[in-house]
Amino acid sequence: MSRDEASLRTVFDELKDHGSVLLIVDQPNTVGALPIAVARTCDCAVAYLPGLAMRNAADLYPGQAKTDPRDAFIIAKTAPIVRAW
């Protein structure tokens, strides 16, 4: 997925056609800054998964490599049970 404002806006708008949208990030001040800003302008909810919760959750899954797909999987699996926001 492209990480530009127009692409993010398109994704959020398409998702909103199916219900409410919640964007969850683990790095709000770096790679998460643009998605957060765009999500807010699209009236999507935004949440933060703290680093410690992310690290502890990552330890529960196999593999040690830090990759975007692995992180996305861990965030998706962990966020519903961690109420840090």
PDB file of N, CA and C in Angstrom:
ATOM      1  N   MET A   1       0.832  -1.170   0.000  1.00  0.00           N
ATOM      2  CA  MET A   1       0.000   0.000   0.000  1.00  0.00           C
ATOM      3  C   MET A   1       0.881   1.239   0.000  1.00  0.00           C
ATOM      4  N   SER A   2       0.527   2.190  -0.814  1.00  0.00           N
ATOM      5  CA  SER A   2       1.259   3.451  -0.841  1.00  0.00           C
ATOM      6  C   SER A   2       1.053   4.197   0.466  1.00  0.00           C
ATOM      7  N   ARG A   3       2.055   4.941   0.851  1.00  0.00           N
ATOM      8  CA  ARG A   3       1.973   5.684   2.113  1.00  0.00           C
ATOM      9  C   ARG A   3       1.887   7.178   1.847  1.00  0.00           C
ATOM     10  N   ASP A   4       1.018   7.544   0.948  1.00  0.00           N
ATOM     11  CA  ASP A   4       0.803   8.962   0.689  1.00  0.00           C
ATOM     12  C   ASP A   4      -0.615   9.332   1.107  1.00  0.00           C
ATOM     13  N   GLU A   5      -0.849  10.622   1.281  1.00  0.00           N
ATOM     14  CA  GLU A   5      -2.130  11.080   1.807  1.00  0.00           C
ATOM     15  C   GLU A   5      -3.315  10.630   0.966  1.00  0.00           C
ATOM     16  N   ALA A   6      -3.212  10.751  -0.341  1.00  0.00           N
ATOM     17  CA  ALA A   6      -4.338  10.390  -1.215  1.00  0.00           C
ATOM     18  C   ALA A   6      -4.686   8.906  -1.095  1.00  0.00           C
ATOM     19  N   SER A   7      -3.677   8.054  -1.074  1.00  0.00           N
ATOM     20  CA  SER A   7      -3.929   6.610  -0.958  1.00  0.00           C
ATOM     21  C   SER A   7      -4.553   6.266   0.389  1.00  0.00           C
ATOM     22  N   LEU A   8      -4.040   6.868   1.445  1.00  0.00           N
ATOM     23  CA  LEU A   8      -4.597   6.617   2.777  1.00  0.00           C
ATOM     24  C   LEU A   8      -6.043   7.084   2.858  1.00  0.00           C
ATOM     25  N   ARG A   9      -6.314   8.264   2.315  1.00  0.00           N
ATOM     26  CA  ARG A   9      -7.680   8.802   2.328  1.00  0.00           C
ATOM     27  C   ARG A   9      -8.632   7.857   1.586  1.00  0.00           C
ATOM     28  N   THR A  10      -8.194   7.337   0.454  1.00  0.00           N
ATOM     29  CA  THR A  10      -9.015   6.403  -0.320  1.00  0.00           C
ATOM     30  C   THR A  10      -9.322   5.148   0.495  1.00  0.00           C
ATOM     31  N   VAL A  11      -8.303   4.599   1.142  1.00  0.00           N
ATOM     32  CA  VAL A  11      -8.498   3.389   1.952  1.00  0.00           C
ATOM     33  C   VAL A  11      -9.466   3.656   3.094  1.00  0.00           C
ATOM     34  N   PHE A  12      -9.264   4.747   3.825  1.00  0.00           N
ATOM     35  CA  PHE A  12     -10.151   5.053   4.955  1.00  0.00           C
ATOM     36  C   PHE A  12     -11.584   5.275   4.490  1.00  0.00           C
ATOM     37  N   ASP A  13     -11.751   5.983   3.388  1.00  0.00           N
ATOM     38  CA  ASP A  13     -13.108   6.226   2.877  1.00  0.00           C
ATOM     39  C   ASP A  13     -13.784   4.924   2.451  1.00  0.00           C
ATOM     40  N   GLU A  14     -13.028   4.032   1.806  1.00  0.00           N
ATOM     41  CA  GLU A  14     -13.601   2.744   1.398  1.00  0.00           C
ATOM     42  C   GLU A  14     -13.961   1.898   2.622  1.00  0.00           C
ATOM     43  N   LEU A  15     -13.120   1.911   3.628  1.00  0.00           N
ATOM     44  CA  LEU A  15     -13.412   1.146   4.844  1.00  0.00           C
ATOM     45  C   LEU A  15     -14.636   1.693   5.566  1.00  0.00           C
ATOM     46  N   LYS A  16     -14.797   3.007   5.574  1.00  0.00           N
ATOM     47  CA  LYS A  16     -15.948   3.615   6.246  1.00  0.00           C
ATOM     48  C   LYS A  16     -17.261   3.208   5.600  1.00  0.00           C
ATOM     49  N   ASP A  17     -17.230   2.803   4.341  1.00  0.00           N
ATOM     50  CA  ASP A  17     -18.443   2.312   3.679  1.00  0.00           C
ATOM     51  C   ASP A  17     -18.958   1.032   4.341  1.00  0.00           C
ATOM     52  N   HIS A  18     -18.097   0.367   5.109  1.00  0.00           N
ATOM     53  CA  HIS A  18     -18.454  -0.900   5.751  1.00  0.00           C
ATOM     54  C   HIS A  18     -18.667  -0.771   7.255  1.00  0.00           C
ATOM     55  N   GLY A  19     -18.512   0.418   7.798  1.00  0.00           N
ATOM     56  CA  GLY A  19     -18.700   0.625   9.240  1.00  0.00           C
ATOM     57  C   GLY A  19     -17.647   1.549   9.805  1.00  0.00           C
ATOM     58  N   SER A  20     -17.560   1.572  11.120  1.00  0.00           N
ATOM     59  CA  SER A  20     -16.593   2.459  11.766  1.00  0.00           C
ATOM     60  C   SER A  20     -15.173   1.937  11.549  1.00  0.00           C
ATOM     61  N   VAL A  21     -14.226   2.862  11.556  1.00  0.00           N
ATOM     62  CA  VAL A  21     -12.829   2.523  11.288  1.00  0.00           C
ATOM     63  C   VAL A  21     -11.987   2.930  12.491  1.00  0.00           C
ATOM     64  N   LEU A  22     -11.124   2.029  12.916  1.00  0.00           N
ATOM     65  CA  LEU A  22     -10.183   2.298  13.998  1.00  0.00           C
ATOM     66  C   LEU A  22      -8.778   2.035  13.481  1.00  0.00           C
ATOM     67  N   LEU A  23      -7.948   3.061  13.475  1.00  0.00           N
ATOM     68  CA  LEU A  23      -6.544   2.935  13.098  1.00  0.00           C
ATOM     69  C   LEU A  23      -5.741   2.763  14.379  1.00  0.00           C
ATOM     70  N   ILE A  24      -4.926   1.729  14.434  1.00  0.00           N
ATOM     71  CA  ILE A  24      -4.089   1.483  15.606  1.00  0.00           C
ATOM     72  C   ILE A  24      -2.636   1.502  15.161  1.00  0.00           C
ATOM     73  N   VAL A  25      -1.822   2.301  15.839  1.00  0.00           N
ATOM     74  CA  VAL A  25      -0.410   2.414  15.488  1.00  0.00           C
ATOM     75  C   VAL A  25       0.454   2.113  16.702  1.00  0.00           C
ATOM     76  N   ASP A  26       1.681   1.688  16.427  1.00  0.00           N
ATOM     77  CA  ASP A  26       2.634   1.453  17.506  1.00  0.00           C
ATOM     78  C   ASP A  26       3.758   2.482  17.486  1.00  0.00           C
ATOM     79  N   GLN A  27       3.813   3.305  16.455  1.00  0.00           N
ATOM     80  CA  GLN A  27       4.839   4.338  16.346  1.00  0.00           C
ATOM     81  C   GLN A  27       4.179   5.647  15.910  1.00  0.00           C
ATOM     82  N   PRO A  28       3.478   6.329  16.817  1.00  0.00           N
ATOM     83  CA  PRO A  28       2.696   7.501  16.431  1.00  0.00           C
ATOM     84  C   PRO A  28       3.515   8.718  16.019  1.00  0.00           C
ATOM     85  N   ASN A  29       4.769   8.795  16.425  1.00  0.00           N
ATOM     86  CA  ASN A  29       5.567   9.983  16.124  1.00  0.00           C
ATOM     87  C   ASN A  29       6.458   9.827  14.904  1.00  0.00           C
ATOM     88  N   THR A  30       6.479   8.640  14.315  1.00  0.00           N
ATOM     89  CA  THR A  30       7.346   8.427  13.150  1.00  0.00           C
ATOM     90  C   THR A  30       6.487   7.960  11.981  1.00  0.00           C
ATOM     91  N   VAL A  31       6.555   6.683  11.651  1.00  0.00           N
ATOM     92  CA  VAL A  31       5.822   6.178  10.490  1.00  0.00           C
ATOM     93  C   VAL A  31       4.312   6.258  10.663  1.00  0.00           C
ATOM     94  N   GLY A  32       3.835   6.385  11.894  1.00  0.00           N
ATOM     95  CA  GLY A  32       2.399   6.474  12.134  1.00  0.00           C
ATOM     96  C   GLY A  32       1.832   7.877  12.044  1.00  0.00           C
ATOM     97  N   ALA A  33       2.677   8.887  11.963  1.00  0.00           N
ATOM     98  CA  ALA A  33       2.206  10.278  11.998  1.00  0.00           C
ATOM     99  C   ALA A  33       1.276  10.616  10.833  1.00  0.00           C
ATOM    100  N   LEU A  34       1.655  10.269   9.616  1.00  0.00           N
ATOM    101  CA  LEU A  34       0.806  10.582   8.462  1.00  0.00           C
ATOM    102  C   LEU A  34      -0.507   9.805   8.501  1.00  0.00           C
ATOM    103  N   PRO A  35      -0.491   8.493   8.714  1.00  0.00           N
ATOM    104  CA  PRO A  35      -1.777   7.784   8.802  1.00  0.00           C
ATOM    105  C   PRO A  35      -2.687   8.336   9.899  1.00  0.00           C
ATOM    106  N   ILE A  36      -2.118   8.731  11.026  1.00  0.00           N
ATOM    107  CA  ILE A  36      -2.928   9.305  12.105  1.00  0.00           C
ATOM    108  C   ILE A  36      -3.582  10.597  11.645  1.00  0.00           C
ATOM    109  N   ALA A  37      -2.807  11.481  11.041  1.00  0.00           N
ATOM    110  CA  ALA A  37      -3.341  12.768  10.589  1.00  0.00           C
ATOM    111  C   ALA A  37      -4.450  12.574   9.565  1.00  0.00           C
ATOM    112  N   VAL A  38      -4.236  11.679   8.611  1.00  0.00           N
ATOM    113  CA  VAL A  38      -5.242  11.443   7.571  1.00  0.00           C
ATOM    114  C   VAL A  38      -6.479  10.778   8.169  1.00  0.00           C
ATOM    115  N   ALA A  39      -6.287   9.809   9.046  1.00  0.00           N
ATOM    116  CA  ALA A  39      -7.430   9.134   9.679  1.00  0.00           C
ATOM    117  C   ALA A  39      -8.294  10.131  10.437  1.00  0.00           C
ATOM    118  N   ARG A  40      -7.663  11.039  11.141  1.00  0.00           N
ATOM    119  CA  ARG A  40      -8.431  12.042  11.894  1.00  0.00           C
ATOM    120  C   ARG A  40      -9.218  12.957  10.973  1.00  0.00           C
ATOM    121  N   THR A  41      -8.637  13.340   9.837  1.00  0.00           N
ATOM    122  CA  THR A  41      -9.385  14.196   8.907  1.00  0.00           C
ATOM    123  C   THR A  41     -10.522  13.437   8.238  1.00  0.00           C
ATOM    124  N   CYS A  42     -10.432  12.110   8.226  1.00  0.00           N
ATOM    125  CA  CYS A  42     -11.491  11.270   7.655  1.00  0.00           C
ATOM    126  C   CYS A  42     -12.488  10.820   8.727  1.00  0.00           C
ATOM    127  N   ASP A  43     -12.396  11.386   9.919  1.00  0.00           N
ATOM    128  CA  ASP A  43     -13.284  11.040  11.037  1.00  0.00           C
ATOM    129  C   ASP A  43     -13.186   9.571  11.445  1.00  0.00           C
ATOM    130  N   CYS A  44     -11.985   9.026  11.384  1.00  0.00           N
ATOM    131  CA  CYS A  44     -11.733   7.661  11.852  1.00  0.00           C
ATOM    132  C   CYS A  44     -11.154   7.735  13.263  1.00  0.00           C
ATOM    133  N   ALA A  45     -11.468   6.753  14.075  1.00  0.00           N
ATOM    134  CA  ALA A  45     -10.894   6.681  15.416  1.00  0.00           C
ATOM    135  C   ALA A  45      -9.426   6.276  15.314  1.00  0.00           C
ATOM    136  N   VAL A  46      -8.632   6.757  16.261  1.00  0.00           N
ATOM    137  CA  VAL A  46      -7.201   6.467  16.277  1.00  0.00           C
ATOM    138  C   VAL A  46      -6.817   5.980  17.669  1.00  0.00           C
ATOM    139  N   ALA A  47      -5.972   4.947  17.729  1.00  0.00           N
ATOM    140  CA  ALA A  47      -5.498   4.423  19.005  1.00  0.00           C
ATOM    141  C   ALA A  47      -4.009   4.110  18.904  1.00  0.00           C
ATOM    142  N   TYR A  48      -3.389   3.995  20.063  1.00  0.00           N
ATOM    143  CA  TYR A  48      -1.960   3.746  20.169  1.00  0.00           C
ATOM    144  C   TYR A  48      -1.729   2.470  20.971  1.00  0.00           C
ATOM    145  N   LEU A  49      -0.924   1.589  20.435  1.00  0.00           N
ATOM    146  CA  LEU A  49      -0.511   0.383  21.148  1.00  0.00           C
ATOM    147  C   LEU A  49       0.885   0.655  21.705  1.00  0.00           C
ATOM    148  N   PRO A  50       1.019   0.824  23.021  1.00  0.00           N
ATOM    149  CA  PRO A  50       2.316   1.179  23.610  1.00  0.00           C
ATOM    150  C   PRO A  50       3.410   0.166  23.291  1.00  0.00           C
ATOM    151  N   GLY A  51       4.632   0.665  23.274  1.00  0.00           N
ATOM    152  CA  GLY A  51       5.780  -0.166  22.933  1.00  0.00           C
ATOM    153  C   GLY A  51       5.935  -1.398  23.797  1.00  0.00           C
ATOM    154  N   LEU A  52       5.728  -1.261  25.104  1.00  0.00           N
ATOM    155  CA  LEU A  52       5.875  -2.417  25.991  1.00  0.00           C
ATOM    156  C   LEU A  52       4.839  -3.488  25.671  1.00  0.00           C
ATOM    157  N   ALA A  53       3.612  -3.084  25.432  1.00  0.00           N
ATOM    158  CA  ALA A  53       2.564  -4.049  25.067  1.00  0.00           C
ATOM    159  C   ALA A  53       2.902  -4.713  23.741  1.00  0.00           C
ATOM    160  N   MET A  54       3.409  -3.934  22.809  1.00  0.00           N
ATOM    161  CA  MET A  54       3.780  -4.474  21.495  1.00  0.00           C
ATOM    162  C   MET A  54       4.925  -5.476  21.647  1.00  0.00           C
ATOM    163  N   ARG A  55       5.935  -5.105  22.412  1.00  0.00           N
ATOM    164  CA  ARG A  55       7.092  -5.990  22.595  1.00  0.00           C
ATOM    165  C   ARG A  55       6.693  -7.285  23.299  1.00  0.00           C
ATOM    166  N   ASN A  56       5.884  -7.178  24.344  1.00  0.00           N
ATOM    167  CA  ASN A  56       5.431  -8.380  25.053  1.00  0.00           C
ATOM    168  C   ASN A  56       4.595  -9.275  24.149  1.00  0.00           C
ATOM    169  N   ALA A  57       3.747  -8.675  23.343  1.00  0.00           N
ATOM    170  CA  ALA A  57       2.930  -9.461  22.413  1.00  0.00           C
ATOM    171  C   ALA A  57       3.804 -10.132  21.364  1.00  0.00           C
ATOM    172  N   ALA A  58       4.806  -9.426  20.872  1.00  0.00           N
ATOM    173  CA  ALA A  58       5.690  -9.990  19.849  1.00  0.00           C
ATOM    174  C   ALA A  58       6.410 -11.227  20.371  1.00  0.00           C
ATOM    175  N   ASP A  59       6.704 -11.235  21.668  1.00  0.00           N
ATOM    176  CA  ASP A  59       7.382 -12.400  22.258  1.00  0.00           C
ATOM    177  C   ASP A  59       6.511 -13.651  22.243  1.00  0.00           C
ATOM    178  N   LEU A  60       5.203 -13.485  22.105  1.00  0.00           N
ATOM    179  CA  LEU A  60       4.287 -14.628  22.104  1.00  0.00           C
ATOM    180  C   LEU A  60       4.177 -15.313  20.743  1.00  0.00           C
ATOM    181  N   TYR A  61       4.697 -14.669  19.712  1.00  0.00           N
ATOM    182  CA  TYR A  61       4.583 -15.210  18.363  1.00  0.00           C
ATOM    183  C   TYR A  61       5.944 -15.683  17.875  1.00  0.00           C
ATOM    184  N   PRO A  62       5.949 -16.716  17.035  1.00  0.00           N
ATOM    185  CA  PRO A  62       7.222 -17.248  16.558  1.00  0.00           C
ATOM    186  C   PRO A  62       7.964 -16.247  15.679  1.00  0.00           C
ATOM    187  N   GLY A  63       9.262 -16.408  15.661  1.00  0.00           N
ATOM    188  CA  GLY A  63      10.099 -15.550  14.826  1.00  0.00           C
ATOM    189  C   GLY A  63      10.585 -14.344  15.595  1.00  0.00           C
ATOM    190  N   GLN A  64      11.732 -13.866  15.208  1.00  0.00           N
ATOM    191  CA  GLN A  64      12.324 -12.707  15.873  1.00  0.00           C
ATOM    192  C   GLN A  64      12.488 -11.522  14.932  1.00  0.00           C
ATOM    193  N   ALA A  65      12.317 -11.753  13.638  1.00  0.00           N
ATOM    194  CA  ALA A  65      12.509 -10.680  12.666  1.00  0.00           C
ATOM    195  C   ALA A  65      11.463  -9.590  12.863  1.00  0.00           C
ATOM    196  N   LYS A  66      11.911  -8.345  12.775  1.00  0.00           N
ATOM    197  CA  LYS A  66      10.988  -7.217  12.878  1.00  0.00           C
ATOM    198  C   LYS A  66      10.664  -6.780  11.457  1.00  0.00           C
ATOM    199  N   THR A  67       9.500  -7.185  10.988  1.00  0.00           N
ATOM    200  CA  THR A  67       9.075  -6.823   9.643  1.00  0.00           C
ATOM    201  C   THR A  67       7.721  -6.139   9.726  1.00  0.00           C
ATOM    202  N   ASP A  68       7.395  -5.329   8.732  1.00  0.00           N
ATOM    203  CA  ASP A  68       6.103  -4.645   8.719  1.00  0.00           C
ATOM    204  C   ASP A  68       4.933  -5.623   8.732  1.00  0.00           C
ATOM    205  N   PRO A  69       4.953  -6.685   7.903  1.00  0.00           N
ATOM    206  CA  PRO A  69       3.823  -7.624   7.940  1.00  0.00           C
ATOM    207  C   PRO A  69       3.672  -8.307   9.304  1.00  0.00           C
ATOM    208  N   ARG A  70       4.780  -8.671   9.926  1.00  0.00           N
ATOM    209  CA  ARG A  70       4.718  -9.314  11.247  1.00  0.00           C
ATOM    210  C   ARG A  70       4.176  -8.333  12.283  1.00  0.00           C
ATOM    211  N   ASP A  71       4.671  -7.100  12.260  1.00  0.00           N
ATOM    212  CA  ASP A  71       4.178  -6.089  13.198  1.00  0.00           C
ATOM    213  C   ASP A  71       2.692  -5.834  13.000  1.00  0.00           C
ATOM    214  N   ALA A  72       2.248  -5.748  11.754  1.00  0.00           N
ATOM    215  CA  ALA A  72       0.824  -5.518  11.478  1.00  0.00           C
ATOM    216  C   ALA A  72      -0.023  -6.663  12.022  1.00  0.00           C
ATOM    217  N   PHE A  73       0.455  -7.886  11.848  1.00  0.00           N
ATOM    218  CA  PHE A  73      -0.258  -9.053  12.372  1.00  0.00           C
ATOM    219  C   PHE A  73      -0.358  -8.983  13.894  1.00  0.00           C
ATOM    220  N   ILE A  74       0.745  -8.666  14.546  1.00  0.00           N
ATOM    221  CA  ILE A  74       0.763  -8.602  16.009  1.00  0.00           C
ATOM    222  C   ILE A  74      -0.148  -7.489  16.515  1.00  0.00           C
ATOM    223  N   ILE A  75      -0.122  -6.337  15.880  1.00  0.00           N
ATOM    224  CA  ILE A  75      -1.001  -5.232  16.277  1.00  0.00           C
ATOM    225  C   ILE A  75      -2.457  -5.643  16.126  1.00  0.00           C
ATOM    226  N   ALA A  76      -2.792  -6.268  15.005  1.00  0.00           N
ATOM    227  CA  ALA A  76      -4.184  -6.679  14.762  1.00  0.00           C
ATOM    228  C   ALA A  76      -4.650  -7.708  15.787  1.00  0.00           C
ATOM    229  N   LYS A  77      -3.772  -8.595  16.202  1.00  0.00           N
ATOM    230  CA  LYS A  77      -4.143  -9.624  17.173  1.00  0.00           C
ATOM    231  C   LYS A  77      -4.160  -9.093  18.608  1.00  0.00           C
ATOM    232  N   THR A  78      -3.314  -8.124  18.902  1.00  0.00           N
ATOM    233  CA  THR A  78      -3.155  -7.633  20.267  1.00  0.00           C
ATOM    234  C   THR A  78      -4.097  -6.485  20.607  1.00  0.00           C
ATOM    235  N   ALA A  79      -4.319  -5.594  19.691  1.00  0.00           N
ATOM    236  CA  ALA A  79      -5.089  -4.379  19.971  1.00  0.00           C
ATOM    237  C   ALA A  79      -6.470  -4.628  20.573  1.00  0.00           C
ATOM    238  N   PRO A  80      -7.214  -5.628  20.117  1.00  0.00           N
ATOM    239  CA  PRO A  80      -8.547  -5.823  20.708  1.00  0.00           C
ATOM    240  C   PRO A  80      -8.530  -6.198  22.189  1.00  0.00           C
ATOM    241  N   ILE A  81      -7.407  -6.717  22.684  1.00  0.00           N
ATOM    242  CA  ILE A  81      -7.378  -7.138  24.086  1.00  0.00           C
ATOM    243  C   ILE A  81      -6.601  -6.184  24.984  1.00  0.00           C
ATOM    244  N   VAL A  82      -5.925  -5.192  24.403  1.00  0.00           N
ATOM    245  CA  VAL A  82      -5.168  -4.212  25.179  1.00  0.00           C
ATOM    246  C   VAL A  82      -5.910  -2.890  25.111  1.00  0.00           C
ATOM    247  N   ARG A  83      -6.360  -2.416  26.247  1.00  0.00           N
ATOM    248  CA  ARG A  83      -7.106  -1.154  26.290  1.00  0.00           C
ATOM    249  C   ARG A  83      -6.218  -0.032  26.814  1.00  0.00           C
ATOM    250  N   ALA A  84      -5.175   0.288  26.059  1.00  0.00           N
ATOM    251  CA  ALA A  84      -4.253   1.338  26.480  1.00  0.00           C
ATOM    252  C   ALA A  84      -4.659   2.698  25.935  1.00  0.00           C
ATOM    253  N   TRP A  85      -5.662   2.729  25.133  1.00  0.00           N
ATOM    254  CA  TRP A  85      -6.074   4.009  24.560  1.00  0.00           C
ATOM    255  C   TRP A  85      -7.285   4.447  25.262  1.00  0.00           C
TER     256      TRP A  85
END
